[in-house]
Amino acid sequence: MTDVPVVSGRDVIRALERLGYYVRRQKGSHVRLYHEARPPVTVTTAKTVKRGTLKNILRSAGIDVDEFVGLLKC
């Protein structure tokens, strides 16, 4: 299993959009993403997302770290 990378909030949003999530709303520095078949997730637009926070976002989205790293490389 790959270690959780340190990435920006915008990179996280881009990767989740490749998975089929779409931005429904934004309030301040937090973006709410929705998907037809997966639970919604909230992502910060900070320059860096802490590893623990990213791990919780991925857990909520139902994807693992390896799949997320693959989405980043697309």
PDB file of N, CA and C in Angstrom:
ATOM      1  N   MET A   1       0.837  -1.175   0.000  1.00  0.00           N
ATOM      2  CA  MET A   1       0.000   0.000   0.000  1.00  0.00           C
ATOM      3  C   MET A   1       0.884   1.241   0.000  1.00  0.00           C
ATOM      4  N   THR A   2       0.499   2.191  -0.779  1.00  0.00           N
ATOM      5  CA  THR A   2       1.236   3.438  -0.927  1.00  0.00           C
ATOM      6  C   THR A   2       0.960   4.367   0.253  1.00  0.00           C
ATOM      7  N   ASP A   3       1.968   5.138   0.632  1.00  0.00           N
ATOM      8  CA  ASP A   3       1.772   6.145   1.674  1.00  0.00           C
ATOM      9  C   ASP A   3       0.838   7.239   1.163  1.00  0.00           C
ATOM     10  N   VAL A   4       0.144   7.874   2.076  1.00  0.00           N
ATOM     11  CA  VAL A   4      -0.755   8.969   1.719  1.00  0.00           C
ATOM     12  C   VAL A   4       0.104  10.163   1.318  1.00  0.00           C
ATOM     13  N   PRO A   5      -0.095  10.692   0.098  1.00  0.00           N
ATOM     14  CA  PRO A   5       0.728  11.819  -0.349  1.00  0.00           C
ATOM     15  C   PRO A   5       0.260  13.139   0.264  1.00  0.00           C
ATOM     16  N   VAL A   6       1.131  14.126   0.225  1.00  0.00           N
ATOM     17  CA  VAL A   6       0.770  15.482   0.634  1.00  0.00           C
ATOM     18  C   VAL A   6       0.480  16.249  -0.654  1.00  0.00           C
ATOM     19  N   VAL A   7      -0.766  16.661  -0.821  1.00  0.00           N
ATOM     20  CA  VAL A   7      -1.188  17.356  -2.041  1.00  0.00           C
ATOM     21  C   VAL A   7      -2.028  18.568  -1.672  1.00  0.00           C
ATOM     22  N   SER A   8      -2.296  19.404  -2.657  1.00  0.00           N
ATOM     23  CA  SER A   8      -3.140  20.575  -2.418  1.00  0.00           C
ATOM     24  C   SER A   8      -4.611  20.179  -2.490  1.00  0.00           C
ATOM     25  N   GLY A   9      -5.447  21.029  -1.954  1.00  0.00           N
ATOM     26  CA  GLY A   9      -6.877  20.780  -1.999  1.00  0.00           C
ATOM     27  C   GLY A   9      -7.397  20.751  -3.420  1.00  0.00           C
ATOM     28  N   ARG A  10      -6.863  21.627  -4.268  1.00  0.00           N
ATOM     29  CA  ARG A  10      -7.280  21.653  -5.677  1.00  0.00           C
ATOM     30  C   ARG A  10      -6.931  20.342  -6.376  1.00  0.00           C
ATOM     31  N   ASP A  11      -5.778  19.742  -6.051  1.00  0.00           N
ATOM     32  CA  ASP A  11      -5.404  18.456  -6.631  1.00  0.00           C
ATOM     33  C   ASP A  11      -6.372  17.359  -6.194  1.00  0.00           C
ATOM     34  N   VAL A  12      -6.786  17.405  -4.941  1.00  0.00           N
ATOM     35  CA  VAL A  12      -7.752  16.424  -4.437  1.00  0.00           C
ATOM     36  C   VAL A  12      -9.070  16.566  -5.189  1.00  0.00           C
ATOM     37  N   ILE A  13      -9.524  17.787  -5.363  1.00  0.00           N
ATOM     38  CA  ILE A  13     -10.785  18.031  -6.075  1.00  0.00           C
ATOM     39  C   ILE A  13     -10.683  17.538  -7.519  1.00  0.00           C
ATOM     40  N   ARG A  14      -9.574  17.841  -8.197  1.00  0.00           N
ATOM     41  CA  ARG A  14      -9.378  17.388  -9.572  1.00  0.00           C
ATOM     42  C   ARG A  14      -9.402  15.865  -9.673  1.00  0.00           C
ATOM     43  N   ALA A  15      -8.748  15.196  -8.744  1.00  0.00           N
ATOM     44  CA  ALA A  15      -8.712  13.729  -8.764  1.00  0.00           C
ATOM     45  C   ALA A  15     -10.102  13.153  -8.536  1.00  0.00           C
ATOM     46  N   LEU A  16     -10.857  13.728  -7.597  1.00  0.00           N
ATOM     47  CA  LEU A  16     -12.205  13.227  -7.344  1.00  0.00           C
ATOM     48  C   LEU A  16     -13.136  13.518  -8.520  1.00  0.00           C
ATOM     49  N   GLU A  17     -12.914  14.608  -9.227  1.00  0.00           N
ATOM     50  CA  GLU A  17     -13.714  14.890 -10.418  1.00  0.00           C
ATOM     51  C   GLU A  17     -13.459  13.840 -11.494  1.00  0.00           C
ATOM     52  N   ARG A  18     -12.236  13.352 -11.599  1.00  0.00           N
ATOM     53  CA  ARG A  18     -11.921  12.281 -12.556  1.00  0.00           C
ATOM     54  C   ARG A  18     -12.660  10.994 -12.193  1.00  0.00           C
ATOM     55  N   LEU A  19     -12.986  10.850 -10.917  1.00  0.00           N
ATOM     56  CA  LEU A  19     -13.714   9.671 -10.441  1.00  0.00           C
ATOM     57  C   LEU A  19     -15.217   9.815 -10.674  1.00  0.00           C
ATOM     58  N   GLY A  20     -15.670  10.996 -11.015  1.00  0.00           N
ATOM     59  CA  GLY A  20     -17.083  11.211 -11.272  1.00  0.00           C
ATOM     60  C   GLY A  20     -17.766  12.156 -10.306  1.00  0.00           C
ATOM     61  N   TYR A  21     -17.033  12.685  -9.342  1.00  0.00           N
ATOM     62  CA  TYR A  21     -17.589  13.675  -8.416  1.00  0.00           C
ATOM     63  C   TYR A  21     -17.736  15.010  -9.143  1.00  0.00           C
ATOM     64  N   TYR A  22     -18.662  15.820  -8.692  1.00  0.00           N
ATOM     65  CA  TYR A  22     -18.825  17.164  -9.236  1.00  0.00           C
ATOM     66  C   TYR A  22     -19.056  18.143  -8.089  1.00  0.00           C
ATOM     67  N   VAL A  23     -18.634  19.382  -8.298  1.00  0.00           N
ATOM     68  CA  VAL A  23     -18.763  20.419  -7.280  1.00  0.00           C
ATOM     69  C   VAL A  23     -20.195  20.925  -7.285  1.00  0.00           C
ATOM     70  N   ARG A  24     -20.819  20.857  -6.129  1.00  0.00           N
ATOM     71  CA  ARG A  24     -22.177  21.364  -6.022  1.00  0.00           C
ATOM     72  C   ARG A  24     -22.196  22.742  -5.373  1.00  0.00           C
ATOM     73  N   ARG A  25     -21.345  22.935  -4.372  1.00  0.00           N
ATOM     74  CA  ARG A  25     -21.332  24.243  -3.715  1.00  0.00           C
ATOM     75  C   ARG A  25     -19.980  24.474  -3.045  1.00  0.00           C
ATOM     76  N   GLN A  26     -19.768  25.744  -2.702  1.00  0.00           N
ATOM     77  CA  GLN A  26     -18.558  26.127  -1.987  1.00  0.00           C
ATOM     78  C   GLN A  26     -18.925  27.204  -0.990  1.00  0.00           C
ATOM     79  N   LYS A  27     -18.402  27.068   0.202  1.00  0.00           N
ATOM     80  CA  LYS A  27     -18.598  28.080   1.229  1.00  0.00           C
ATOM     81  C   LYS A  27     -17.231  28.365   1.835  1.00  0.00           C
ATOM     82  N   GLY A  28     -16.718  29.528   1.540  1.00  0.00           N
ATOM     83  CA  GLY A  28     -15.390  29.868   2.027  1.00  0.00           C
ATOM     84  C   GLY A  28     -14.341  29.006   1.360  1.00  0.00           C
ATOM     85  N   SER A  29     -13.539  28.343   2.162  1.00  0.00           N
ATOM     86  CA  SER A  29     -12.462  27.516   1.608  1.00  0.00           C
ATOM     87  C   SER A  29     -12.831  26.036   1.563  1.00  0.00           C
ATOM     88  N   HIS A  30     -14.102  25.704   1.698  1.00  0.00           N
ATOM     89  CA  HIS A  30     -14.535  24.317   1.664  1.00  0.00           C
ATOM     90  C   HIS A  30     -15.476  24.074   0.495  1.00  0.00           C
ATOM     91  N   VAL A  31     -15.187  23.001  -0.252  1.00  0.00           N
ATOM     92  CA  VAL A  31     -15.960  22.641  -1.430  1.00  0.00           C
ATOM     93  C   VAL A  31     -16.683  21.332  -1.141  1.00  0.00           C
ATOM     94  N   ARG A  32     -17.963  21.290  -1.462  1.00  0.00           N
ATOM     95  CA  ARG A  32     -18.770  20.079  -1.262  1.00  0.00           C
ATOM     96  C   ARG A  32     -18.907  19.390  -2.616  1.00  0.00           C
ATOM     97  N   LEU A  33     -18.462  18.130  -2.681  1.00  0.00           N
ATOM     98  CA  LEU A  33     -18.499  17.347  -3.914  1.00  0.00           C
ATOM     99  C   LEU A  33     -19.535  16.233  -3.791  1.00  0.00           C
ATOM    100  N   TYR A  34     -20.257  15.996  -4.879  1.00  0.00           N
ATOM    101  CA  TYR A  34     -21.286  14.962  -4.910  1.00  0.00           C
ATOM    102  C   TYR A  34     -21.008  13.989  -6.039  1.00  0.00           C
ATOM    103  N   HIS A  35     -21.559  12.777  -5.885  1.00  0.00           N
ATOM    104  CA  HIS A  35     -21.420  11.707  -6.869  1.00  0.00           C
ATOM    105  C   HIS A  35     -22.742  10.969  -6.907  1.00  0.00           C
ATOM    106  N   GLU A  36     -23.073  10.400  -8.057  1.00  0.00           N
ATOM    107  CA  GLU A  36     -24.348   9.697  -8.204  1.00  0.00           C
ATOM    108  C   GLU A  36     -24.454   8.477  -7.277  1.00  0.00           C
ATOM    109  N   ALA A  37     -23.370   7.713  -7.136  1.00  0.00           N
ATOM    110  CA  ALA A  37     -23.442   6.452  -6.402  1.00  0.00           C
ATOM    111  C   ALA A  37     -22.593   6.409  -5.134  1.00  0.00           C
ATOM    112  N   ARG A  38     -21.870   7.468  -4.846  1.00  0.00           N
ATOM    113  CA  ARG A  38     -20.995   7.494  -3.671  1.00  0.00           C
ATOM    114  C   ARG A  38     -21.437   8.592  -2.714  1.00  0.00           C
ATOM    115  N   PRO A  39     -21.015   8.506  -1.469  1.00  0.00           N
ATOM    116  CA  PRO A  39     -21.386   9.549  -0.508  1.00  0.00           C
ATOM    117  C   PRO A  39     -20.699  10.878  -0.819  1.00  0.00           C
ATOM    118  N   PRO A  40     -21.319  11.994  -0.454  1.00  0.00           N
ATOM    119  CA  PRO A  40     -20.694  13.304  -0.683  1.00  0.00           C
ATOM    120  C   PRO A  40     -19.492  13.510   0.232  1.00  0.00           C
ATOM    121  N   VAL A  41     -18.557  14.336  -0.222  1.00  0.00           N
ATOM    122  CA  VAL A  41     -17.363  14.647   0.572  1.00  0.00           C
ATOM    123  C   VAL A  41     -17.122  16.146   0.559  1.00  0.00           C
ATOM    124  N   THR A  42     -16.474  16.638   1.593  1.00  0.00           N
ATOM    125  CA  THR A  42     -16.085  18.040   1.694  1.00  0.00           C
ATOM    126  C   THR A  42     -14.567  18.109   1.667  1.00  0.00           C
ATOM    127  N   VAL A  43     -14.045  18.994   0.815  1.00  0.00           N
ATOM    128  CA  VAL A  43     -12.602  19.140   0.642  1.00  0.00           C
ATOM    129  C   VAL A  43     -12.236  20.606   0.830  1.00  0.00           C
ATOM    130  N   THR A  44     -11.158  20.853   1.522  1.00  0.00           N
ATOM    131  CA  THR A  44     -10.651  22.209   1.691  1.00  0.00           C
ATOM    132  C   THR A  44      -9.831  22.608   0.466  1.00  0.00           C
ATOM    133  N   THR A  45      -9.752  23.889   0.195  1.00  0.00           N
ATOM    134  CA  THR A  45      -8.953  24.360  -0.932  1.00  0.00           C
ATOM    135  C   THR A  45      -7.586  24.863  -0.466  1.00  0.00           C
ATOM    136  N   ALA A  46      -7.138  24.398   0.667  1.00  0.00           N
ATOM    137  CA  ALA A  46      -5.856  24.819   1.235  1.00  0.00           C
ATOM    138  C   ALA A  46      -4.689  24.410   0.329  1.00  0.00           C
ATOM    139  N   LYS A  47      -3.556  25.064   0.529  1.00  0.00           N
ATOM    140  CA  LYS A  47      -2.374  24.742  -0.270  1.00  0.00           C
ATOM    141  C   LYS A  47      -1.919  23.313  -0.034  1.00  0.00           C
ATOM    142  N   THR A  48      -2.015  22.845   1.194  1.00  0.00           N
ATOM    143  CA  THR A  48      -1.691  21.453   1.493  1.00  0.00           C
ATOM    144  C   THR A  48      -2.784  20.870   2.381  1.00  0.00           C
ATOM    145  N   VAL A  49      -3.142  19.632   2.074  1.00  0.00           N
ATOM    146  CA  VAL A  49      -4.117  18.900   2.880  1.00  0.00           C
ATOM    147  C   VAL A  49      -3.325  17.923   3.735  1.00  0.00           C
ATOM    148  N   LYS A  50      -3.550  17.960   5.030  1.00  0.00           N
ATOM    149  CA  LYS A  50      -2.824  17.070   5.927  1.00  0.00           C
ATOM    150  C   LYS A  50      -3.151  15.619   5.600  1.00  0.00           C
ATOM    151  N   ARG A  51      -2.196  14.747   5.882  1.00  0.00           N
ATOM    152  CA  ARG A  51      -2.350  13.330   5.536  1.00  0.00           C
ATOM    153  C   ARG A  51      -3.562  12.698   6.214  1.00  0.00           C
ATOM    154  N   GLY A  52      -3.782  13.018   7.463  1.00  0.00           N
ATOM    155  CA  GLY A  52      -4.924  12.451   8.179  1.00  0.00           C
ATOM    156  C   GLY A  52      -6.243  12.923   7.601  1.00  0.00           C
ATOM    157  N   THR A  53      -6.295  14.190   7.223  1.00  0.00           N
ATOM    158  CA  THR A  53      -7.498  14.746   6.611  1.00  0.00           C
ATOM    159  C   THR A  53      -7.760  14.087   5.267  1.00  0.00           C
ATOM    160  N   LEU A  54      -6.710  13.930   4.462  1.00  0.00           N
ATOM    161  CA  LEU A  54      -6.859  13.287   3.160  1.00  0.00           C
ATOM    162  C   LEU A  54      -7.311  11.836   3.319  1.00  0.00           C
ATOM    163  N   LYS A  55      -6.758  11.159   4.291  1.00  0.00           N
ATOM    164  CA  LYS A  55      -7.145   9.767   4.529  1.00  0.00           C
ATOM    165  C   LYS A  55      -8.634   9.674   4.875  1.00  0.00           C
ATOM    166  N   ASN A  56      -9.134  10.624   5.672  1.00  0.00           N
ATOM    167  CA  ASN A  56     -10.554  10.635   6.006  1.00  0.00           C
ATOM    168  C   ASN A  56     -11.414  10.957   4.791  1.00  0.00           C
ATOM    169  N   ILE A  57     -10.958  11.862   3.930  1.00  0.00           N
ATOM    170  CA  ILE A  57     -11.694  12.185   2.702  1.00  0.00           C
ATOM    171  C   ILE A  57     -11.784  10.948   1.816  1.00  0.00           C
ATOM    172  N   LEU A  58     -10.672  10.246   1.651  1.00  0.00           N
ATOM    173  CA  LEU A  58     -10.659   9.051   0.814  1.00  0.00           C
ATOM    174  C   LEU A  58     -11.541   7.953   1.399  1.00  0.00           C
ATOM    175  N   ARG A  59     -11.515   7.812   2.711  1.00  0.00           N
ATOM    176  CA  ARG A  59     -12.366   6.819   3.365  1.00  0.00           C
ATOM    177  C   ARG A  59     -13.841   7.155   3.126  1.00  0.00           C
ATOM    178  N   SER A  60     -14.184   8.422   3.234  1.00  0.00           N
ATOM    179  CA  SER A  60     -15.568   8.855   3.002  1.00  0.00           C
ATOM    180  C   SER A  60     -15.991   8.612   1.558  1.00  0.00           C
ATOM    181  N   ALA A  61     -15.064   8.813   0.625  1.00  0.00           N
ATOM    182  CA  ALA A  61     -15.366   8.622  -0.793  1.00  0.00           C
ATOM    183  C   ALA A  61     -15.383   7.145  -1.182  1.00  0.00           C
ATOM    184  N   GLY A  62     -14.823   6.296  -0.339  1.00  0.00           N
ATOM    185  CA  GLY A  62     -14.814   4.862  -0.616  1.00  0.00           C
ATOM    186  C   GLY A  62     -13.732   4.427  -1.584  1.00  0.00           C
ATOM    187  N   ILE A  63     -12.613   5.155  -1.612  1.00  0.00           N
ATOM    188  CA  ILE A  63     -11.493   4.758  -2.463  1.00  0.00           C
ATOM    189  C   ILE A  63     -10.250   4.579  -1.603  1.00  0.00           C
ATOM    190  N   ASP A  64      -9.308   3.802  -2.111  1.00  0.00           N
ATOM    191  CA  ASP A  64      -8.082   3.589  -1.355  1.00  0.00           C
ATOM    192  C   ASP A  64      -6.980   4.510  -1.879  1.00  0.00           C
ATOM    193  N   VAL A  65      -5.873   4.523  -1.182  1.00  0.00           N
ATOM    194  CA  VAL A  65      -4.777   5.442  -1.489  1.00  0.00           C
ATOM    195  C   VAL A  65      -4.187   5.146  -2.862  1.00  0.00           C
ATOM    196  N   ASP A  66      -4.036   3.865  -3.207  1.00  0.00           N
ATOM    197  CA  ASP A  66      -3.452   3.509  -4.497  1.00  0.00           C
ATOM    198  C   ASP A  66      -4.318   4.018  -5.649  1.00  0.00           C
ATOM    199  N   GLU A  67      -5.626   3.884  -5.532  1.00  0.00           N
ATOM    200  CA  GLU A  67      -6.533   4.372  -6.570  1.00  0.00           C
ATOM    201  C   GLU A  67      -6.440   5.899  -6.672  1.00  0.00           C
ATOM    202  N   PHE A  68      -6.345   6.569  -5.532  1.00  0.00           N
ATOM    203  CA  PHE A  68      -6.226   8.022  -5.528  1.00  0.00           C
ATOM    204  C   PHE A  68      -4.940   8.475  -6.200  1.00  0.00           C
ATOM    205  N   VAL A  69      -3.822   7.823  -5.915  1.00  0.00           N
ATOM    206  CA  VAL A  69      -2.541   8.171  -6.536  1.00  0.00           C
ATOM    207  C   VAL A  69      -2.637   7.981  -8.052  1.00  0.00           C
ATOM    208  N   GLY A  70      -3.333   6.933  -8.480  1.00  0.00           N
ATOM    209  CA  GLY A  70      -3.546   6.720  -9.909  1.00  0.00           C
ATOM    210  C   GLY A  70      -4.340   7.843 -10.539  1.00  0.00           C
ATOM    211  N   LEU A  71      -5.342   8.352  -9.813  1.00  0.00           N
ATOM    212  CA  LEU A  71      -6.151   9.473 -10.317  1.00  0.00           C
ATOM    213  C   LEU A  71      -5.324  10.754 -10.401  1.00  0.00           C
ATOM    214  N   LEU A  72      -4.364  10.921  -9.501  1.00  0.00           N
ATOM    215  CA  LEU A  72      -3.508  12.105  -9.525  1.00  0.00           C
ATOM    216  C   LEU A  72      -2.622  12.114 -10.772  1.00  0.00           C
ATOM    217  N   LYS A  73      -2.210  10.939 -11.203  1.00  0.00           N
ATOM    218  CA  LYS A  73      -1.271  10.830 -12.324  1.00  0.00           C
ATOM    219  C   LYS A  73      -1.946  11.006 -13.680  1.00  0.00           C
ATOM    220  N   CYS A  74      -3.267  10.933 -13.738  1.00  0.00           N
ATOM    221  CA  CYS A  74      -3.992  11.060 -15.011  1.00  0.00           C
ATOM    222  C   CYS A  74      -3.854  12.444 -15.597  1.00  0.00           C
TER     223      CYS A  74
END
